[in-house]
Amino acid sequence: MCQKAQFLNLPLEQPTVPKPLKCDALDYTHFQRKPVLRFQFTKDQAEIIRNFILNLDNQASEFDIQEKQSFQDQRFTESITSRNAYLNH
């Protein structure tokens, strides 16, 4: 649904910055990078995505309630095999 996706490096402050006698003014001594994925959507898709994200907590709660009861494939008696078969399906 997205028009474009790209990784960006978000600058975050280092937890501890060395304190030299004189500031070295180098960005890598003061900041660390955190890669984040940025999505761009077309205008017609933006409203659908916005509504999906705003309703995400409700959808997760509803999915959890419905799915946790039937998280098994009834063809298998062993619980791990039954769960894996359900997830693979």
PDB file of N, CA and C in Angstrom:
ATOM      1  N   MET A   1       0.810  -1.201   0.000  1.00  0.00           N
ATOM      2  CA  MET A   1       0.000   0.000   0.000  1.00  0.00           C
ATOM      3  C   MET A   1       0.851   1.261   0.000  1.00  0.00           C
ATOM      4  N   CYS A   2       2.138   1.139   0.334  1.00  0.00           N
ATOM      5  CA  CYS A   2       2.940   2.354   0.390  1.00  0.00           C
ATOM      6  C   CYS A   2       3.538   2.654  -0.975  1.00  0.00           C
ATOM      7  N   GLN A   3       3.757   3.936  -1.202  1.00  0.00           N
ATOM      8  CA  GLN A   3       4.332   4.392  -2.456  1.00  0.00           C
ATOM      9  C   GLN A   3       5.851   4.281  -2.410  1.00  0.00           C
ATOM     10  N   LYS A   4       6.425   4.517  -1.228  1.00  0.00           N
ATOM     11  CA  LYS A   4       7.874   4.508  -1.086  1.00  0.00           C
ATOM     12  C   LYS A   4       8.230   4.150   0.348  1.00  0.00           C
ATOM     13  N   ALA A   5       9.308   3.380   0.508  1.00  0.00           N
ATOM     14  CA  ALA A   5       9.819   3.053   1.841  1.00  0.00           C
ATOM     15  C   ALA A   5      11.343   3.149   1.792  1.00  0.00           C
ATOM     16  N   GLN A   6      11.914   3.723   2.840  1.00  0.00           N
ATOM     17  CA  GLN A   6      13.363   3.846   2.875  1.00  0.00           C
ATOM     18  C   GLN A   6      13.839   3.848   4.326  1.00  0.00           C
ATOM     19  N   PHE A   7      15.084   3.390   4.515  1.00  0.00           N
ATOM     20  CA  PHE A   7      15.696   3.435   5.836  1.00  0.00           C
ATOM     21  C   PHE A   7      16.356   4.789   6.033  1.00  0.00           C
ATOM     22  N   LEU A   8      16.152   5.354   7.210  1.00  0.00           N
ATOM     23  CA  LEU A   8      16.809   6.585   7.605  1.00  0.00           C
ATOM     24  C   LEU A   8      17.579   6.321   8.888  1.00  0.00           C
ATOM     25  N   ASN A   9      18.646   7.044   9.098  1.00  0.00           N
ATOM     26  CA  ASN A   9      19.404   6.937  10.341  1.00  0.00           C
ATOM     27  C   ASN A   9      19.019   8.091  11.245  1.00  0.00           C
ATOM     28  N   LEU A  10      18.284   7.782  12.294  1.00  0.00           N
ATOM     29  CA  LEU A  10      17.842   8.771  13.255  1.00  0.00           C
ATOM     30  C   LEU A  10      18.972   9.031  14.246  1.00  0.00           C
ATOM     31  N   PRO A  11      19.414  10.279  14.393  1.00  0.00           N
ATOM     32  CA  PRO A  11      20.500  10.535  15.339  1.00  0.00           C
ATOM     33  C   PRO A  11      19.977  10.569  16.778  1.00  0.00           C
ATOM     34  N   LEU A  12      20.597   9.791  17.636  1.00  0.00           N
ATOM     35  CA  LEU A  12      20.273   9.770  19.064  1.00  0.00           C
ATOM     36  C   LEU A  12      21.530  10.124  19.839  1.00  0.00           C
ATOM     37  N   GLU A  13      21.343  10.801  20.960  1.00  0.00           N
ATOM     38  CA  GLU A  13      22.503  11.147  21.769  1.00  0.00           C
ATOM     39  C   GLU A  13      23.139   9.892  22.348  1.00  0.00           C
ATOM     40  N   GLN A  14      24.451   9.900  22.422  1.00  0.00           N
ATOM     41  CA  GLN A  14      25.170   8.795  23.060  1.00  0.00           C
ATOM     42  C   GLN A  14      24.816   8.784  24.547  1.00  0.00           C
ATOM     43  N   PRO A  15      24.736   7.599  25.164  1.00  0.00           N
ATOM     44  CA  PRO A  15      24.454   7.545  26.601  1.00  0.00           C
ATOM     45  C   PRO A  15      25.552   8.231  27.417  1.00  0.00           C
ATOM     46  N   THR A  16      26.779   8.056  26.998  1.00  0.00           N
ATOM     47  CA  THR A  16      27.885   8.747  27.660  1.00  0.00           C
ATOM     48  C   THR A  16      28.777   9.347  26.583  1.00  0.00           C
ATOM     49  N   VAL A  17      29.135  10.579  26.781  1.00  0.00           N
ATOM     50  CA  VAL A  17      29.996  11.277  25.834  1.00  0.00           C
ATOM     51  C   VAL A  17      31.331  11.533  26.524  1.00  0.00           C
ATOM     52  N   PRO A  18      32.438  11.142  25.880  1.00  0.00           N
ATOM     53  CA  PRO A  18      33.733  11.404  26.497  1.00  0.00           C
ATOM     54  C   PRO A  18      33.967  12.911  26.632  1.00  0.00           C
ATOM     55  N   LYS A  19      34.611  13.302  27.702  1.00  0.00           N
ATOM     56  CA  LYS A  19      34.850  14.720  27.961  1.00  0.00           C
ATOM     57  C   LYS A  19      36.329  15.034  27.775  1.00  0.00           C
ATOM     58  N   PRO A  20      36.719  15.272  26.530  1.00  0.00           N
ATOM     59  CA  PRO A  20      38.113  15.639  26.292  1.00  0.00           C
ATOM     60  C   PRO A  20      38.365  17.077  26.759  1.00  0.00           C
ATOM     61  N   LEU A  21      39.616  17.461  26.755  1.00  0.00           N
ATOM     62  CA  LEU A  21      39.959  18.829  27.154  1.00  0.00           C
ATOM     63  C   LEU A  21      39.346  19.856  26.208  1.00  0.00           C
ATOM     64  N   LYS A  22      39.281  19.494  24.937  1.00  0.00           N
ATOM     65  CA  LYS A  22      38.695  20.385  23.936  1.00  0.00           C
ATOM     66  C   LYS A  22      37.678  19.573  23.131  1.00  0.00           C
ATOM     67  N   CYS A  23      36.527  20.165  22.841  1.00  0.00           N
ATOM     68  CA  CYS A  23      35.480  19.465  22.079  1.00  0.00           C
ATOM     69  C   CYS A  23      35.998  19.135  20.683  1.00  0.00           C
ATOM     70  N   ASP A  24      35.825  17.877  20.269  1.00  0.00           N
ATOM     71  CA  ASP A  24      36.292  17.472  18.950  1.00  0.00           C
ATOM     72  C   ASP A  24      35.277  17.795  17.848  1.00  0.00           C
ATOM     73  N   ALA A  25      34.025  18.124  18.226  1.00  0.00           N
ATOM     74  CA  ALA A  25      32.961  18.508  17.290  1.00  0.00           C
ATOM     75  C   ALA A  25      32.652  17.425  16.262  1.00  0.00           C
ATOM     76  N   LEU A  26      32.929  16.178  16.591  1.00  0.00           N
ATOM     77  CA  LEU A  26      32.617  15.068  15.694  1.00  0.00           C
ATOM     78  C   LEU A  26      31.260  14.491  16.075  1.00  0.00           C
ATOM     79  N   ASP A  27      30.424  14.302  15.075  1.00  0.00           N
ATOM     80  CA  ASP A  27      29.072  13.828  15.372  1.00  0.00           C
ATOM     81  C   ASP A  27      29.060  12.420  15.947  1.00  0.00           C
ATOM     82  N   TYR A  28      29.977  11.546  15.531  1.00  0.00           N
ATOM     83  CA  TYR A  28      29.931  10.166  16.014  1.00  0.00           C
ATOM     84  C   TYR A  28      30.371  10.028  17.466  1.00  0.00           C
ATOM     85  N   THR A  29      31.023  11.022  18.040  1.00  0.00           N
ATOM     86  CA  THR A  29      31.357  10.944  19.467  1.00  0.00           C
ATOM     87  C   THR A  29      30.183  11.415  20.325  1.00  0.00           C
ATOM     88  N   HIS A  30      29.263  12.175  19.751  1.00  0.00           N
ATOM     89  CA  HIS A  30      28.124  12.703  20.508  1.00  0.00           C
ATOM     90  C   HIS A  30      26.806  11.994  20.193  1.00  0.00           C
ATOM     91  N   PHE A  31      26.732  11.367  19.020  1.00  0.00           N
ATOM     92  CA  PHE A  31      25.477  10.756  18.593  1.00  0.00           C
ATOM     93  C   PHE A  31      25.694   9.322  18.125  1.00  0.00           C
ATOM     94  N   GLN A  32      24.650   8.531  18.292  1.00  0.00           N
ATOM     95  CA  GLN A  32      24.618   7.196  17.717  1.00  0.00           C
ATOM     96  C   GLN A  32      23.498   7.179  16.686  1.00  0.00           C
ATOM     97  N   ARG A  33      23.520   6.211  15.802  1.00  0.00           N
ATOM     98  CA  ARG A  33      22.493   6.128  14.764  1.00  0.00           C
ATOM     99  C   ARG A  33      21.522   5.007  15.069  1.00  0.00           C
ATOM    100  N   LYS A  34      20.266   5.297  14.827  1.00  0.00           N
ATOM    101  CA  LYS A  34      19.236   4.267  14.962  1.00  0.00           C
ATOM    102  C   LYS A  34      18.503   4.194  13.631  1.00  0.00           C
ATOM    103  N   PRO A  35      18.603   3.050  12.930  1.00  0.00           N
ATOM    104  CA  PRO A  35      17.901   2.951  11.648  1.00  0.00           C
ATOM    105  C   PRO A  35      16.389   2.811  11.860  1.00  0.00           C
ATOM    106  N   VAL A  36      15.631   3.597  11.136  1.00  0.00           N
ATOM    107  CA  VAL A  36      14.169   3.526  11.173  1.00  0.00           C
ATOM    108  C   VAL A  36      13.677   3.410   9.735  1.00  0.00           C
ATOM    109  N   LEU A  37      12.552   2.775   9.568  1.00  0.00           N
ATOM    110  CA  LEU A  37      11.958   2.610   8.248  1.00  0.00           C
ATOM    111  C   LEU A  37      10.867   3.656   8.081  1.00  0.00           C
ATOM    112  N   ARG A  38      10.986   4.472   7.063  1.00  0.00           N
ATOM    113  CA  ARG A  38      10.020   5.542   6.802  1.00  0.00           C
ATOM    114  C   ARG A  38       9.184   5.160   5.587  1.00  0.00           C
ATOM    115  N   PHE A  39       7.872   5.231   5.765  1.00  0.00           N
ATOM    116  CA  PHE A  39       6.936   4.902   4.687  1.00  0.00           C
ATOM    117  C   PHE A  39       6.297   6.177   4.154  1.00  0.00           C
ATOM    118  N   GLN A  40       6.076   6.222   2.860  1.00  0.00           N
ATOM    119  CA  GLN A  40       5.319   7.308   2.251  1.00  0.00           C
ATOM    120  C   GLN A  40       4.134   6.692   1.512  1.00  0.00           C
ATOM    121  N   PHE A  41       2.966   7.270   1.750  1.00  0.00           N
ATOM    122  CA  PHE A  41       1.747   6.759   1.146  1.00  0.00           C
ATOM    123  C   PHE A  41       1.161   7.795   0.197  1.00  0.00           C
ATOM    124  N   THR A  42       0.420   7.317  -0.775  1.00  0.00           N
ATOM    125  CA  THR A  42      -0.283   8.241  -1.661  1.00  0.00           C
ATOM    126  C   THR A  42      -1.426   8.890  -0.893  1.00  0.00           C
ATOM    127  N   LYS A  43      -1.919   9.999  -1.394  1.00  0.00           N
ATOM    128  CA  LYS A  43      -2.992  10.725  -0.701  1.00  0.00           C
ATOM    129  C   LYS A  43      -4.245   9.886  -0.538  1.00  0.00           C
ATOM    130  N   ASP A  44      -4.572   9.075  -1.525  1.00  0.00           N
ATOM    131  CA  ASP A  44      -5.787   8.259  -1.425  1.00  0.00           C
ATOM    132  C   ASP A  44      -5.637   7.115  -0.425  1.00  0.00           C
ATOM    133  N   GLN A  45      -4.422   6.666  -0.157  1.00  0.00           N
ATOM    134  CA  GLN A  45      -4.185   5.600   0.827  1.00  0.00           C
ATOM    135  C   GLN A  45      -3.969   6.140   2.238  1.00  0.00           C
ATOM    136  N   ALA A  46      -3.661   7.421   2.380  1.00  0.00           N
ATOM    137  CA  ALA A  46      -3.301   7.994   3.676  1.00  0.00           C
ATOM    138  C   ALA A  46      -4.422   7.851   4.710  1.00  0.00           C
ATOM    139  N   GLU A  47      -5.648   8.093   4.325  1.00  0.00           N
ATOM    140  CA  GLU A  47      -6.766   8.004   5.274  1.00  0.00           C
ATOM    141  C   GLU A  47      -6.985   6.572   5.749  1.00  0.00           C
ATOM    142  N   ILE A  48      -6.839   5.606   4.866  1.00  0.00           N
ATOM    143  CA  ILE A  48      -6.971   4.193   5.239  1.00  0.00           C
ATOM    144  C   ILE A  48      -5.894   3.811   6.248  1.00  0.00           C
ATOM    145  N   ILE A  49      -4.661   4.214   5.989  1.00  0.00           N
ATOM    146  CA  ILE A  49      -3.542   3.893   6.878  1.00  0.00           C
ATOM    147  C   ILE A  49      -3.719   4.593   8.220  1.00  0.00           C
ATOM    148  N   ARG A  50      -4.120   5.854   8.198  1.00  0.00           N
ATOM    149  CA  ARG A  50      -4.329   6.601   9.447  1.00  0.00           C
ATOM    150  C   ARG A  50      -5.386   5.915  10.314  1.00  0.00           C
ATOM    151  N   ASN A  51      -6.493   5.529   9.730  1.00  0.00           N
ATOM    152  CA  ASN A  51      -7.550   4.843  10.486  1.00  0.00           C
ATOM    153  C   ASN A  51      -7.068   3.502  11.024  1.00  0.00           C
ATOM    154  N   PHE A  52      -6.288   2.780  10.231  1.00  0.00           N
ATOM    155  CA  PHE A  52      -5.746   1.500  10.676  1.00  0.00           C
ATOM    156  C   PHE A  52      -4.850   1.689  11.901  1.00  0.00           C
ATOM    157  N   ILE A  53      -3.953   2.671  11.845  1.00  0.00           N
ATOM    158  CA  ILE A  53      -3.028   2.905  12.960  1.00  0.00           C
ATOM    159  C   ILE A  53      -3.769   3.378  14.200  1.00  0.00           C
ATOM    160  N   LEU A  54      -4.753   4.265  14.028  1.00  0.00           N
ATOM    161  CA  LEU A  54      -5.518   4.750  15.179  1.00  0.00           C
ATOM    162  C   LEU A  54      -6.317   3.631  15.840  1.00  0.00           C
ATOM    163  N   ASN A  55      -6.704   2.640  15.079  1.00  0.00           N
ATOM    164  CA  ASN A  55      -7.515   1.537  15.605  1.00  0.00           C
ATOM    165  C   ASN A  55      -6.674   0.300  15.918  1.00  0.00           C
ATOM    166  N   LEU A  56      -5.363   0.411  15.872  1.00  0.00           N
ATOM    167  CA  LEU A  56      -4.485  -0.747  16.021  1.00  0.00           C
ATOM    168  C   LEU A  56      -4.617  -1.422  17.386  1.00  0.00           C
ATOM    169  N   ASP A  57      -4.719  -0.653  18.461  1.00  0.00           N
ATOM    170  CA  ASP A  57      -4.864  -1.245  19.792  1.00  0.00           C
ATOM    171  C   ASP A  57      -6.149  -2.047  19.903  1.00  0.00           C
ATOM    172  N   ASN A  58      -7.236  -1.520  19.370  1.00  0.00           N
ATOM    173  CA  ASN A  58      -8.509  -2.249  19.408  1.00  0.00           C
ATOM    174  C   ASN A  58      -8.433  -3.525  18.585  1.00  0.00           C
ATOM    175  N   GLN A  59      -7.803  -3.443  17.424  1.00  0.00           N
ATOM    176  CA  GLN A  59      -7.672  -4.629  16.582  1.00  0.00           C
ATOM    177  C   GLN A  59      -6.812  -5.685  17.252  1.00  0.00           C
ATOM    178  N   ALA A  60      -5.738  -5.266  17.913  1.00  0.00           N
ATOM    179  CA  ALA A  60      -4.870  -6.227  18.602  1.00  0.00           C
ATOM    180  C   ALA A  60      -5.626  -6.909  19.734  1.00  0.00           C
ATOM    181  N   SER A  61      -6.405  -6.155  20.490  1.00  0.00           N
ATOM    182  CA  SER A  61      -7.183  -6.748  21.586  1.00  0.00           C
ATOM    183  C   SER A  61      -8.214  -7.722  21.055  1.00  0.00           C
ATOM    184  N   GLU A  62      -8.894  -7.336  20.000  1.00  0.00           N
ATOM    185  CA  GLU A  62      -9.912  -8.207  19.414  1.00  0.00           C
ATOM    186  C   GLU A  62      -9.290  -9.476  18.853  1.00  0.00           C
ATOM    187  N   PHE A  63      -8.165  -9.355  18.149  1.00  0.00           N
ATOM    188  CA  PHE A  63      -7.480 -10.515  17.592  1.00  0.00           C
ATOM    189  C   PHE A  63      -7.022 -11.445  18.707  1.00  0.00           C
ATOM    190  N   ASP A  64      -6.473 -10.882  19.773  1.00  0.00           N
ATOM    191  CA  ASP A  64      -5.981 -11.678  20.890  1.00  0.00           C
ATOM    192  C   ASP A  64      -7.106 -12.487  21.523  1.00  0.00           C
ATOM    193  N   ILE A  65      -8.230 -11.878  21.723  1.00  0.00           N
ATOM    194  CA  ILE A  65      -9.360 -12.562  22.354  1.00  0.00           C
ATOM    195  C   ILE A  65      -9.879 -13.683  21.460  1.00  0.00           C
ATOM    196  N   GLN A  66     -10.004 -13.415  20.162  1.00  0.00           N
ATOM    197  CA  GLN A  66     -10.540 -14.423  19.256  1.00  0.00           C
ATOM    198  C   GLN A  66      -9.537 -15.538  18.988  1.00  0.00           C
ATOM    199  N   GLU A  67      -8.303 -15.201  18.743  1.00  0.00           N
ATOM    200  CA  GLU A  67      -7.333 -16.175  18.272  1.00  0.00           C
ATOM    201  C   GLU A  67      -6.707 -17.015  19.368  1.00  0.00           C
ATOM    202  N   LYS A  68      -6.571 -16.490  20.563  1.00  0.00           N
ATOM    203  CA  LYS A  68      -5.896 -17.276  21.582  1.00  0.00           C
ATOM    204  C   LYS A  68      -6.712 -18.504  21.980  1.00  0.00           C
ATOM    205  N   GLN A  69      -8.000 -18.499  21.701  1.00  0.00           N
ATOM    206  CA  GLN A  69      -8.831 -19.648  22.016  1.00  0.00           C
ATOM    207  C   GLN A  69      -8.667 -20.764  20.986  1.00  0.00           C
ATOM    208  N   SER A  70      -8.331 -20.407  19.758  1.00  0.00           N
ATOM    209  CA  SER A  70      -8.221 -21.420  18.718  1.00  0.00           C
ATOM    210  C   SER A  70      -6.839 -21.380  18.065  1.00  0.00           C
ATOM    211  N   PHE A  71      -5.824 -21.332  18.884  1.00  0.00           N
ATOM    212  CA  PHE A  71      -4.455 -21.219  18.392  1.00  0.00           C
ATOM    213  C   PHE A  71      -3.840 -22.590  18.184  1.00  0.00           C
ATOM    214  N   GLN A  72      -4.667 -23.575  17.906  1.00  0.00           N
ATOM    215  CA  GLN A  72      -4.212 -24.948  17.734  1.00  0.00           C
ATOM    216  C   GLN A  72      -4.826 -25.525  16.463  1.00  0.00           C
ATOM    217  N   ASP A  73      -4.079 -26.400  15.826  1.00  0.00           N
ATOM    218  CA  ASP A  73      -4.593 -27.154  14.683  1.00  0.00           C
ATOM    219  C   ASP A  73      -5.113 -28.476  15.249  1.00  0.00           C
ATOM    220  N   GLN A  74      -6.401 -28.687  15.152  1.00  0.00           N
ATOM    221  CA  GLN A  74      -7.050 -29.826  15.798  1.00  0.00           C
ATOM    222  C   GLN A  74      -6.628 -31.181  15.234  1.00  0.00           C
ATOM    223  N   ARG A  75      -5.915 -31.204  14.123  1.00  0.00           N
ATOM    224  CA  ARG A  75      -5.466 -32.469  13.544  1.00  0.00           C
ATOM    225  C   ARG A  75      -4.333 -33.096  14.342  1.00  0.00           C
ATOM    226  N   PHE A  76      -3.684 -32.311  15.224  1.00  0.00           N
ATOM    227  CA  PHE A  76      -2.523 -32.795  15.976  1.00  0.00           C
ATOM    228  C   PHE A  76      -2.822 -32.779  17.465  1.00  0.00           C
ATOM    229  N   THR A  77      -2.357 -33.812  18.162  1.00  0.00           N
ATOM    230  CA  THR A  77      -2.619 -33.895  19.599  1.00  0.00           C
ATOM    231  C   THR A  77      -1.524 -33.229  20.428  1.00  0.00           C
ATOM    232  N   GLU A  78      -0.282 -33.267  19.961  1.00  0.00           N
ATOM    233  CA  GLU A  78       0.806 -32.636  20.700  1.00  0.00           C
ATOM    234  C   GLU A  78       0.694 -31.118  20.542  1.00  0.00           C
ATOM    235  N   SER A  79       0.784 -30.370  21.658  1.00  0.00           N
ATOM    236  CA  SER A  79       0.501 -28.933  21.630  1.00  0.00           C
ATOM    237  C   SER A  79       1.475 -28.137  20.760  1.00  0.00           C
ATOM    238  N   ILE A  80       2.763 -28.449  20.815  1.00  0.00           N
ATOM    239  CA  ILE A  80       3.738 -27.698  20.025  1.00  0.00           C
ATOM    240  C   ILE A  80       3.544 -27.964  18.531  1.00  0.00           C
ATOM    241  N   THR A  81       3.342 -29.207  18.168  1.00  0.00           N
ATOM    242  CA  THR A  81       3.100 -29.550  16.773  1.00  0.00           C
ATOM    243  C   THR A  81       1.808 -28.917  16.288  1.00  0.00           C
ATOM    244  N   SER A  82       0.784 -28.930  17.126  1.00  0.00           N
ATOM    245  CA  SER A  82      -0.508 -28.348  16.778  1.00  0.00           C
ATOM    246  C   SER A  82      -0.376 -26.832  16.558  1.00  0.00           C
ATOM    247  N   ARG A  83       0.356 -26.149  17.455  1.00  0.00           N
ATOM    248  CA  ARG A  83       0.555 -24.706  17.328  1.00  0.00           C
ATOM    249  C   ARG A  83       1.350 -24.360  16.076  1.00  0.00           C
ATOM    250  N   ASN A  84       2.438 -25.111  15.814  1.00  0.00           N
ATOM    251  CA  ASN A  84       3.252 -24.850  14.632  1.00  0.00           C
ATOM    252  C   ASN A  84       2.477 -25.089  13.346  1.00  0.00           C
ATOM    253  N   ALA A  85       1.649 -26.129  13.328  1.00  0.00           N
ATOM    254  CA  ALA A  85       0.829 -26.397  12.148  1.00  0.00           C
ATOM    255  C   ALA A  85      -0.168 -25.270  11.934  1.00  0.00           C
ATOM    256  N   TYR A  86      -0.725 -24.745  13.020  1.00  0.00           N
ATOM    257  CA  TYR A  86      -1.661 -23.621  12.913  1.00  0.00           C
ATOM    258  C   TYR A  86      -0.952 -22.383  12.348  1.00  0.00           C
ATOM    259  N   LEU A  87       0.239 -22.079  12.862  1.00  0.00           N
ATOM    260  CA  LEU A  87       0.979 -20.911  12.396  1.00  0.00           C
ATOM    261  C   LEU A  87       1.452 -21.062  10.951  1.00  0.00           C
ATOM    262  N   ASN A  88       1.823 -22.271  10.558  1.00  0.00           N
ATOM    263  CA  ASN A  88       2.265 -22.498   9.194  1.00  0.00           C
ATOM    264  C   ASN A  88       1.117 -22.418   8.199  1.00  0.00           C
ATOM    265  N   HIS A  89      -0.081 -22.712   8.668  1.00  0.00           N
ATOM    266  CA  HIS A  89      -1.244 -22.689   7.791  1.00  0.00           C
ATOM    267  C   HIS A  89      -1.597 -21.268   7.479  1.00  0.00           C
TER     268      HIS A  89
END
